[in-house]
Amino acid sequence: MKFLKVILGAAAVAAAFFVVTFTIYFFNLDMKAAEKIMPVFAKHYDHVKKEKRL
C-alpha cells in the first residue's frame, strides 16, 4: 500500500511539472520574461569595460 502511495505521489508531481512547463511553453512566458530583463542586462554590459584586441 505504501508503494502505491509513492507511485501516485510521483505521478502527481510529474503531472504538475508537465502542466507548469506546458503553460510556460504555450504562452511563451520564458521569452516574455527575457524581454523584460534584457534592458537591465544591456545597461550593465554597456558599462563594462571592453578589452581591445589588436
N, C-alpha and C. Protein backbone atom coordinates (compact mmCIF):
# COMPACT_ATOMS: atom_id res chain seq x y z
N MET A 1 0.82 -1.20 0.00
CA MET A 1 0.00 0.00 0.00
C MET A 1 0.87 1.26 0.00
N LYS A 2 1.98 1.21 0.75
CA LYS A 2 2.87 2.37 0.80
C LYS A 2 3.52 2.61 -0.57
N PHE A 3 3.84 1.52 -1.26
CA PHE A 3 4.43 1.62 -2.60
C PHE A 3 3.48 2.32 -3.57
N LEU A 4 2.20 2.01 -3.47
CA LEU A 4 1.19 2.63 -4.33
C LEU A 4 1.10 4.13 -4.06
N LYS A 5 1.19 4.53 -2.79
CA LYS A 5 1.16 5.95 -2.46
C LYS A 5 2.38 6.67 -3.02
N VAL A 6 3.53 6.01 -2.98
CA VAL A 6 4.75 6.61 -3.53
C VAL A 6 4.61 6.78 -5.04
N ILE A 7 4.11 5.78 -5.70
CA ILE A 7 3.92 5.84 -7.15
C ILE A 7 2.91 6.93 -7.51
N LEU A 8 1.80 7.01 -6.79
CA LEU A 8 0.80 8.04 -7.06
C LEU A 8 1.35 9.43 -6.76
N GLY A 9 2.13 9.56 -5.73
CA GLY A 9 2.76 10.85 -5.42
C GLY A 9 3.72 11.28 -6.51
N ALA A 10 4.52 10.34 -6.99
CA ALA A 10 5.46 10.65 -8.08
C ALA A 10 4.71 11.02 -9.35
N ALA A 11 3.62 10.34 -9.62
CA ALA A 11 2.81 10.65 -10.81
C ALA A 11 2.17 12.04 -10.68
N ALA A 12 1.75 12.39 -9.48
CA ALA A 12 1.15 13.71 -9.26
C ALA A 12 2.19 14.81 -9.45
N VAL A 13 3.39 14.58 -8.94
CA VAL A 13 4.47 15.56 -9.11
C VAL A 13 4.83 15.69 -10.58
N ALA A 14 4.92 14.57 -11.28
CA ALA A 14 5.24 14.61 -12.71
C ALA A 14 4.15 15.33 -13.50
N ALA A 15 2.90 15.09 -13.16
CA ALA A 15 1.79 15.75 -13.86
C ALA A 15 1.80 17.26 -13.59
N ALA A 16 2.05 17.65 -12.35
CA ALA A 16 2.12 19.08 -12.02
C ALA A 16 3.28 19.74 -12.76
N PHE A 17 4.42 19.08 -12.80
CA PHE A 17 5.58 19.61 -13.53
C PHE A 17 5.25 19.78 -15.01
N PHE A 18 4.58 18.80 -15.60
CA PHE A 18 4.20 18.88 -17.01
C PHE A 18 3.25 20.05 -17.25
N VAL A 19 2.27 20.23 -16.38
CA VAL A 19 1.29 21.32 -16.55
C VAL A 19 2.01 22.67 -16.48
N VAL A 20 2.90 22.83 -15.53
CA VAL A 20 3.63 24.10 -15.39
C VAL A 20 4.50 24.36 -16.61
N THR A 21 5.29 23.37 -17.03
CA THR A 21 6.18 23.59 -18.17
C THR A 21 5.39 23.77 -19.47
N PHE A 22 4.27 23.07 -19.63
CA PHE A 22 3.46 23.26 -20.83
C PHE A 22 2.85 24.65 -20.87
N THR A 23 2.42 25.17 -19.72
CA THR A 23 1.86 26.52 -19.66
C THR A 23 2.93 27.55 -20.03
N ILE A 24 4.14 27.37 -19.53
CA ILE A 24 5.24 28.28 -19.88
C ILE A 24 5.50 28.23 -21.38
N TYR A 25 5.51 27.02 -21.96
CA TYR A 25 5.74 26.85 -23.40
C TYR A 25 4.59 27.45 -24.21
N PHE A 26 3.37 27.16 -23.84
CA PHE A 26 2.21 27.56 -24.63
C PHE A 26 2.07 29.08 -24.71
N PHE A 27 2.30 29.76 -23.60
CA PHE A 27 2.16 31.20 -23.58
C PHE A 27 3.48 31.94 -23.83
N ASN A 28 4.54 31.20 -24.14
CA ASN A 28 5.85 31.77 -24.46
C ASN A 28 6.35 32.66 -23.31
N LEU A 29 6.13 32.23 -22.10
CA LEU A 29 6.44 33.05 -20.93
C LEU A 29 7.93 33.22 -20.71
N ASP A 30 8.73 32.26 -21.18
CA ASP A 30 10.17 32.40 -20.99
C ASP A 30 10.72 33.57 -21.79
N MET A 31 10.26 33.73 -23.00
CA MET A 31 10.76 34.84 -23.83
C MET A 31 10.16 36.17 -23.37
N LYS A 32 8.96 36.16 -22.84
CA LYS A 32 8.37 37.38 -22.31
C LYS A 32 9.14 37.85 -21.08
N ALA A 33 9.56 36.91 -20.25
CA ALA A 33 10.37 37.27 -19.09
C ALA A 33 11.74 37.77 -19.53
N ALA A 34 12.33 37.12 -20.53
CA ALA A 34 13.64 37.56 -21.04
C ALA A 34 13.55 38.96 -21.63
N GLU A 35 12.45 39.26 -22.30
CA GLU A 35 12.25 40.59 -22.87
C GLU A 35 12.21 41.67 -21.78
N LYS A 36 11.65 41.33 -20.64
CA LYS A 36 11.56 42.29 -19.55
C LYS A 36 12.91 42.56 -18.89
N ILE A 37 13.79 41.55 -18.82
CA ILE A 37 15.06 41.74 -18.12
C ILE A 37 16.20 42.12 -19.05
N MET A 38 16.01 42.04 -20.36
CA MET A 38 17.09 42.38 -21.29
C MET A 38 17.57 43.83 -21.14
N PRO A 39 16.71 44.83 -20.95
CA PRO A 39 17.22 46.20 -20.76
C PRO A 39 18.14 46.33 -19.55
N VAL A 40 17.86 45.57 -18.49
CA VAL A 40 18.72 45.61 -17.31
C VAL A 40 20.09 45.05 -17.65
N PHE A 41 20.12 43.91 -18.35
CA PHE A 41 21.40 43.32 -18.75
C PHE A 41 22.13 44.22 -19.74
N ALA A 42 21.41 44.81 -20.67
CA ALA A 42 22.05 45.68 -21.66
C ALA A 42 22.67 46.90 -20.99
N LYS A 43 21.99 47.48 -20.04
CA LYS A 43 22.53 48.63 -19.32
C LYS A 43 23.82 48.24 -18.59
N HIS A 44 23.82 47.07 -17.98
CA HIS A 44 25.01 46.61 -17.26
C HIS A 44 26.17 46.38 -18.23
N TYR A 45 25.93 45.64 -19.30
CA TYR A 45 27.02 45.29 -20.21
C TYR A 45 27.47 46.47 -21.06
N ASP A 46 26.65 47.49 -21.21
CA ASP A 46 27.10 48.70 -21.91
C ASP A 46 28.14 49.45 -21.09
N HIS A 47 28.13 49.29 -19.77
CA HIS A 47 29.08 49.99 -18.91
C HIS A 47 30.31 49.16 -18.58
N VAL A 48 30.35 47.91 -19.00
CA VAL A 48 31.51 47.06 -18.73
C VAL A 48 32.64 47.47 -19.65
N LYS A 49 33.83 47.62 -19.07
CA LYS A 49 35.00 47.99 -19.87
C LYS A 49 35.36 46.81 -20.77
N LYS A 50 35.53 47.11 -22.04
CA LYS A 50 35.80 46.06 -23.00
C LYS A 50 37.29 45.97 -23.29
N GLU A 51 37.75 44.76 -23.51
CA GLU A 51 39.14 44.51 -23.83
C GLU A 51 39.34 44.68 -25.33
N LYS A 52 40.32 45.47 -25.70
CA LYS A 52 40.58 45.69 -27.12
C LYS A 52 41.60 44.68 -27.63
N ARG A 53 41.35 44.12 -28.79
CA ARG A 53 42.26 43.17 -29.41
C ARG A 53 42.95 43.83 -30.60
N LEU A 54 44.17 43.45 -30.80
CA LEU A 54 44.95 44.01 -31.92
C LEU A 54 44.88 43.15 -33.13
